[in-house]
């Protein structure tokens, strides 16, 4: 799925130093996410792995 640029850069300054800051696009994304069964399953699997913390059995 092609979404293009998901935000923009703006110039900011503090005192006398300038910098670039990335400002993300507002949510929800356009086009909206197409939650197919396959995508939803992958999302759920990733979420489960994120919370899994294996324990060191040697101690």
N, C-alpha and C. Protein backbone atom coordinates (compact mmCIF):
# COMPACT_ATOMS: atom_id res chain seq x y z
N UNK A 1 0.84 -1.17 0.00
CA UNK A 1 0.00 0.00 0.00
C UNK A 1 0.89 1.24 0.00
N UNK A 2 0.66 2.13 -0.89
CA UNK A 2 1.42 3.37 -0.97
C UNK A 2 0.70 4.46 -0.21
N UNK A 3 1.37 5.05 0.76
CA UNK A 3 0.76 6.12 1.55
C UNK A 3 1.41 7.47 1.29
N UNK A 4 2.61 7.49 0.75
CA UNK A 4 3.28 8.77 0.54
C UNK A 4 3.89 9.27 1.85
N UNK A 5 4.19 10.54 1.88
CA UNK A 5 4.82 11.15 3.04
C UNK A 5 3.81 11.22 4.19
N UNK A 6 4.21 10.79 5.37
CA UNK A 6 3.31 10.72 6.52
C UNK A 6 3.52 11.88 7.50
N UNK A 7 4.00 12.99 7.01
CA UNK A 7 4.21 14.16 7.86
C UNK A 7 4.96 15.22 7.09
N UNK A 8 5.47 16.19 7.84
CA UNK A 8 6.22 17.27 7.19
C UNK A 8 7.31 17.75 8.13
N UNK A 9 8.29 18.44 7.58
CA UNK A 9 9.36 19.03 8.37
C UNK A 9 9.12 20.53 8.49
N UNK A 10 9.35 21.05 9.68
CA UNK A 10 9.24 22.49 9.90
C UNK A 10 10.54 22.97 10.53
N UNK A 11 10.87 24.21 10.25
CA UNK A 11 12.06 24.81 10.84
C UNK A 11 11.69 25.40 12.19
N UNK A 12 12.46 25.05 13.20
CA UNK A 12 12.25 25.60 14.53
C UNK A 12 13.54 26.29 14.96
N UNK A 13 13.44 27.18 15.91
CA UNK A 13 14.65 27.84 16.40
C UNK A 13 14.55 28.06 17.90
N UNK A 14 15.68 27.91 18.55
CA UNK A 14 15.80 28.22 19.96
C UNK A 14 17.01 29.11 20.12
N UNK A 15 16.84 30.20 20.75
CA UNK A 15 17.88 31.22 20.91
C UNK A 15 18.37 31.60 19.53
N UNK A 16 19.56 31.16 19.12
CA UNK A 16 20.07 31.53 17.80
C UNK A 16 20.35 30.30 16.93
N UNK A 17 19.86 29.14 17.36
CA UNK A 17 20.12 27.90 16.63
C UNK A 17 18.85 27.41 15.94
N UNK A 18 18.98 27.08 14.65
CA UNK A 18 17.84 26.56 13.89
C UNK A 18 17.96 25.06 13.74
N UNK A 19 16.82 24.38 13.70
CA UNK A 19 16.79 22.93 13.52
C UNK A 19 15.52 22.56 12.76
N UNK A 20 15.49 21.33 12.25
CA UNK A 20 14.31 20.82 11.55
C UNK A 20 13.60 19.83 12.48
N UNK A 21 12.28 19.95 12.55
CA UNK A 21 11.47 19.04 13.37
C UNK A 21 10.46 18.35 12.46
N UNK A 22 10.25 17.05 12.68
CA UNK A 22 9.27 16.29 11.91
C UNK A 22 7.93 16.36 12.63
N UNK A 23 6.89 16.78 11.91
CA UNK A 23 5.54 16.85 12.45
C UNK A 23 4.71 15.80 11.72
N UNK A 24 4.29 14.73 12.43
CA UNK A 24 3.53 13.67 11.76
C UNK A 24 2.15 14.14 11.34
N UNK A 25 1.61 13.50 10.32
CA UNK A 25 0.25 13.80 9.87
C UNK A 25 -0.74 13.38 10.95
N UNK A 26 -1.88 14.04 11.03
CA UNK A 26 -2.86 13.65 12.04
C UNK A 26 -3.44 12.26 11.76
N UNK A 27 -3.89 11.62 12.83
CA UNK A 27 -4.53 10.31 12.70
C UNK A 27 -6.02 10.51 12.50
N UNK A 28 -6.75 9.63 11.90
CA UNK A 28 -6.32 8.37 11.32
C UNK A 28 -5.64 8.60 9.96
N UNK A 29 -4.82 7.63 9.53
CA UNK A 29 -4.12 7.77 8.26
C UNK A 29 -5.07 7.76 7.07
N UNK A 30 -4.65 8.40 6.01
CA UNK A 30 -5.42 8.40 4.76
C UNK A 30 -4.56 7.78 3.68
N UNK A 31 -4.96 6.80 2.95
CA UNK A 31 -6.22 6.10 3.09
C UNK A 31 -6.24 5.27 4.37
N UNK A 32 -7.42 4.96 4.90
CA UNK A 32 -7.49 4.17 6.13
C UNK A 32 -6.90 2.77 5.95
N UNK A 33 -6.46 2.19 7.05
CA UNK A 33 -5.89 0.84 7.02
C UNK A 33 -6.97 -0.16 6.65
N UNK A 34 -6.65 -1.02 5.70
CA UNK A 34 -7.58 -2.07 5.27
C UNK A 34 -7.31 -3.30 6.13
N UNK A 35 -8.06 -3.48 7.22
CA UNK A 35 -7.84 -4.56 8.17
C UNK A 35 -8.36 -5.89 7.63
N UNK A 36 -7.57 -6.50 6.75
CA UNK A 36 -7.92 -7.83 6.25
C UNK A 36 -7.70 -8.84 7.37
N UNK A 37 -8.23 -10.03 7.22
CA UNK A 37 -8.05 -11.08 8.20
C UNK A 37 -6.56 -11.40 8.38
N UNK A 38 -5.81 -11.45 7.27
CA UNK A 38 -4.38 -11.74 7.33
C UNK A 38 -3.63 -10.65 8.10
N UNK A 39 -3.92 -9.39 7.81
CA UNK A 39 -3.25 -8.28 8.49
C UNK A 39 -3.60 -8.27 9.97
N UNK A 40 -4.85 -8.51 10.29
CA UNK A 40 -5.28 -8.54 11.68
C UNK A 40 -4.58 -9.66 12.44
N UNK A 41 -4.43 -10.82 11.81
CA UNK A 41 -3.73 -11.95 12.44
C UNK A 41 -2.27 -11.62 12.70
N UNK A 42 -1.60 -10.98 11.73
CA UNK A 42 -0.20 -10.60 11.91
C UNK A 42 -0.05 -9.56 13.03
N UNK A 43 -0.98 -8.62 13.08
CA UNK A 43 -0.96 -7.61 14.13
C UNK A 43 -1.11 -8.26 15.51
N UNK A 44 -2.06 -9.17 15.64
CA UNK A 44 -2.27 -9.87 16.91
C UNK A 44 -1.04 -10.68 17.32
N UNK A 45 -0.42 -11.35 16.35
CA UNK A 45 0.77 -12.14 16.63
C UNK A 45 1.92 -11.25 17.11
N UNK A 46 2.11 -10.11 16.45
CA UNK A 46 3.16 -9.18 16.85
C UNK A 46 2.89 -8.63 18.25
N UNK A 47 1.64 -8.35 18.54
CA UNK A 47 1.28 -7.84 19.86
C UNK A 47 1.57 -8.87 20.94
N UNK A 48 1.28 -10.13 20.68
CA UNK A 48 1.57 -11.18 21.64
C UNK A 48 3.07 -11.32 21.88
N UNK A 49 3.87 -11.26 20.82
CA UNK A 49 5.32 -11.38 20.95
C UNK A 49 5.92 -10.19 21.68
N UNK A 50 5.30 -9.06 21.55
CA UNK A 50 5.79 -7.86 22.22
C UNK A 50 5.71 -8.00 23.73
N UNK A 51 4.70 -8.69 24.23
CA UNK A 51 4.51 -8.84 25.66
C UNK A 51 5.18 -10.09 26.23
N UNK A 52 5.74 -10.91 25.36
CA UNK A 52 6.39 -12.15 25.81
C UNK A 52 7.82 -11.86 26.24
N UNK A 53 8.14 -12.19 27.47
CA UNK A 53 9.50 -12.00 27.99
C UNK A 53 10.02 -13.35 28.46
N UNK A 54 10.88 -14.00 27.68
CA UNK A 54 11.40 -15.30 28.10
C UNK A 54 12.27 -15.15 29.34
N UNK A 55 12.20 -16.15 30.24
CA UNK A 55 12.99 -16.13 31.46
C UNK A 55 14.25 -16.97 31.28
N UNK A 56 15.30 -16.55 31.91
CA UNK A 56 16.55 -17.30 31.86
C UNK A 56 16.42 -18.48 32.83
N UNK A 57 16.39 -19.69 32.29
CA UNK A 57 16.19 -20.89 33.11
C UNK A 57 17.46 -21.33 33.81
N UNK A 58 18.61 -20.72 33.50
CA UNK A 58 19.87 -21.12 34.11
C UNK A 58 20.00 -20.60 35.54
N UNK A 59 19.22 -19.61 35.92
CA UNK A 59 19.34 -19.04 37.26
C UNK A 59 18.32 -19.59 38.20
